[in-house]
Protein backbone atom coordinates (compact mmCIF):
# COMPACT_ATOMS: atom_id res chain seq x y z
CA ASN A 1 113.63 86.02 86.20
CA SER A 2 112.88 86.14 89.92
CA GLN A 3 110.37 89.27 88.95
CA TRP A 4 107.20 87.41 88.51
CA PRO A 5 105.30 89.96 87.62
CA HIS A 6 106.99 90.42 84.53
CA LYS A 7 106.20 87.01 83.74
CA LEU A 8 102.43 87.35 83.73
CA THR A 9 102.79 89.81 80.96
CA SER A 10 104.66 90.01 77.31
CA ILE A 11 107.39 92.39 78.99
CA GLU A 12 110.35 90.58 77.37
CA GLN A 13 108.84 90.34 74.04
CA ALA A 14 108.96 93.57 74.03
CA TRP A 15 112.00 94.38 74.94
CA GLU A 16 113.18 92.75 72.47
CA LEU A 17 111.92 95.54 71.01
CA GLU A 18 112.50 98.76 72.96
CA GLN A 19 114.05 99.07 76.23
CA GLY A 20 113.43 102.83 76.76
CA SER A 21 116.11 105.75 76.02
CA SER A 22 117.49 108.36 77.98
CA ASP A 23 116.32 111.15 76.01
CA ILE A 24 112.76 109.36 77.27
CA VAL A 25 111.39 111.33 80.60
CA ILE A 26 108.58 110.09 82.00
CA GLY A 27 107.09 112.65 84.81
CA ILE A 28 105.67 111.46 87.78
CA ILE A 29 102.41 112.68 89.53
CA ASP A 30 102.69 111.35 93.13
CA THR A 31 103.73 111.65 95.92
CA GLY A 32 107.13 111.83 95.83
CA ILE A 33 110.63 109.93 94.72
CA ASP A 34 113.16 108.70 96.61
CA THR A 35 115.60 110.10 93.62
CA GLY A 36 118.32 108.43 96.45
CA HIS A 37 116.91 105.00 95.58
CA ASP A 38 119.24 102.49 94.81
CA ASP A 39 116.94 101.32 91.67
CA LEU A 40 116.23 104.72 91.16
CA GLU A 41 119.35 107.41 91.33
CA ASN A 42 120.62 106.96 88.00
CA ASN A 43 117.86 107.04 86.46
CA ILE A 44 116.60 110.39 88.42
CA TRP A 45 116.18 113.96 85.63
CA HIS A 46 117.56 116.24 86.21
CA SER A 47 116.83 120.79 85.87
CA ASN A 48 119.29 122.91 83.40
CA SER A 49 120.28 123.17 86.90
CA GLY A 50 120.53 120.22 88.31
CA LYS A 51 117.92 119.88 90.57
CA PRO A 52 116.19 116.73 91.07
CA GLY A 53 112.36 117.29 90.37
CA ILE A 54 109.85 120.21 91.54
CA ASP A 55 108.14 119.95 95.12
CA TYR A 56 105.00 122.17 94.34
CA VAL A 57 102.19 120.69 97.70
CA ASP A 58 101.79 124.00 99.48
CA ILE A 59 98.55 123.14 102.53
CA ASP A 60 96.84 124.41 104.76
CA THR A 61 97.59 122.26 108.00
CA ASN A 62 94.33 123.91 109.75
CA SER A 63 92.36 122.94 107.56
CA TYR A 64 92.84 119.37 107.41
CA LYS A 65 92.81 118.97 110.78
CA GLN A 66 89.59 120.74 111.82
CA ASN A 67 88.24 117.91 108.77
CA GLY A 68 89.55 115.15 111.53
CA TYR A 69 93.38 114.36 109.06
CA ILE A 70 97.00 114.36 111.85
CA PRO A 71 99.34 115.35 108.78
CA LYS A 72 102.58 113.00 109.43
CA ALA A 73 105.45 114.11 111.32
CA GLY A 74 107.96 115.22 109.23
CA GLU A 75 106.34 115.43 106.41
CA ASP A 76 107.09 118.68 103.82
CA TYR A 77 103.15 120.37 103.79
CA THR A 78 104.04 124.13 103.53
CA GLU A 79 107.41 124.64 101.27
CA MET A 80 107.22 124.43 97.67
CA ASP A 81 110.78 123.20 96.26
CA SER A 82 112.93 121.15 94.37
CA LEU A 83 113.52 118.99 96.92
CA PRO A 84 110.60 116.40 95.72
CA ALA A 85 110.97 113.50 98.62
CA ASP A 86 108.27 110.72 98.71
CA TYR A 87 106.25 110.22 103.12
CA TYR A 88 103.90 108.07 101.87
CA GLY A 89 106.16 105.81 99.23
CA HIS A 90 103.87 105.62 96.64
CA GLY A 91 105.50 107.84 94.11
CA THR A 92 108.71 105.69 94.63
CA HIS A 93 106.63 102.54 94.12
CA CYS A 94 105.33 104.04 90.75
CA ALA A 95 108.95 105.72 89.84
CA GLY A 96 110.42 102.09 90.45
CA ILE A 97 107.87 99.81 87.89
CA ALA A 98 108.19 102.61 85.39
CA ALA A 99 111.71 102.59 85.06
CA ALA A 100 114.55 101.80 87.51
CA VAL A 101 117.68 100.74 86.64
CA GLY A 102 117.88 96.55 84.40
CA GLY A 103 120.25 94.33 84.94
CA ASN A 104 122.21 96.13 88.30
CA GLY A 105 120.88 93.11 90.98
CA ILE A 106 119.27 95.42 92.96
CA GLY A 107 116.30 95.26 93.70
CA VAL A 108 113.27 95.54 90.49
CA CYS A 109 113.85 95.72 86.82
CA GLY A 110 110.93 98.97 85.56
CA VAL A 111 109.71 98.91 82.27
CA ALA A 112 111.66 101.42 80.23
CA PHE A 113 114.47 101.24 82.53
CA HIS A 114 116.72 103.12 79.41
CA SER A 115 114.14 105.95 80.75
CA LYS A 116 114.59 109.48 82.82
CA ILE A 117 111.65 109.77 85.45
CA MET A 118 111.61 113.43 86.66
CA PRO A 119 110.15 113.72 89.65
CA LEU A 120 106.39 115.86 90.47
CA ARG A 121 105.31 115.66 94.45
CA ALA A 122 101.98 116.84 94.33
CA GLY A 123 100.99 114.79 97.58
CA PHE A 124 101.09 114.05 100.97
CA ALA A 125 100.19 111.86 103.45
CA MET A 126 98.14 112.50 106.40
CA ASN A 127 96.29 109.97 108.79
CA TYR A 128 92.88 109.62 109.14
CA TYR A 129 90.48 107.82 111.87
CA GLY A 130 93.70 105.74 111.92
CA SER A 131 94.90 104.76 108.84
CA GLU A 132 97.52 107.17 106.90
CA TYR A 133 96.30 108.37 102.96
CA ALA A 134 97.38 109.51 100.05
CA LEU A 135 96.28 113.31 99.72
CA PHE A 136 96.37 115.63 96.37
CA GLU A 137 95.17 119.39 95.46
CA SER A 138 94.35 120.23 92.03
CA ASP A 139 96.70 123.22 92.40
CA ASP A 140 99.07 121.02 92.97
CA VAL A 141 98.48 118.16 89.84
CA ALA A 142 98.20 121.53 87.54
CA ASN A 143 101.31 122.68 88.37
CA CYS A 144 103.17 119.61 88.71
CA ILE A 145 101.02 119.62 85.07
CA TYR A 146 102.18 123.17 83.49
CA TYR A 147 105.89 122.24 85.19
CA ALA A 148 106.51 119.29 83.57
CA VAL A 149 104.89 120.87 80.34
CA ASN A 150 107.30 123.38 80.21
CA ASN A 151 110.42 120.80 81.26
CA GLY A 152 110.41 117.94 78.63
CA VAL A 153 108.34 115.73 79.36
CA ASP A 154 107.28 113.20 77.10
CA VAL A 155 104.73 110.72 79.26
CA LEU A 156 103.45 111.28 82.38
CA SER A 157 102.06 108.60 85.09
CA MET A 158 99.68 110.13 87.45
CA SER A 159 97.82 106.93 89.47
CA PHE A 160 95.53 108.04 91.61
CA GLY A 161 93.07 106.73 93.08
CA ILE A 162 90.25 108.57 94.55
CA TYR A 163 88.14 107.33 97.72
CA ASP A 164 85.98 110.85 98.33
CA SER A 165 87.21 114.58 97.80
CA LEU A 166 86.70 116.47 100.46
CA GLN A 167 86.21 121.14 100.26
CA LEU A 168 88.11 122.93 102.21
């Protein structure tokens, strides 16, 4: 009852018909996901080998520094791995909207709260003239799409906004 955004939609009527399914996998291509988040951890998809998604971020930070960007301390910029941590927060936010666990009395309830979330990290955080931004490289996004398709994703979410394009 305290989730006023749901009151602005017809989601409660939709939930009478469908609440998602653990057989449905929603791939979130974004800045990563906090896979240990209380509202998300029970809905995180895992690969057959038990990995919670993929991190394709593998950038040359020196190219960004030469263009005025400042890397965020502690961020993973160079290791492609199966640890899609979110250093910016946007991917975790989008995952919550899509499929945060419902009815647990914690935080929020996702639209498809019985569905699984596949974390697909293509975005990373950097500071630029005093503000923090999420940035993406097209090859990392393409790799995430390819991975998702090859691992049975049903839906892809890509919540990207474009302000400018930088050629490095």
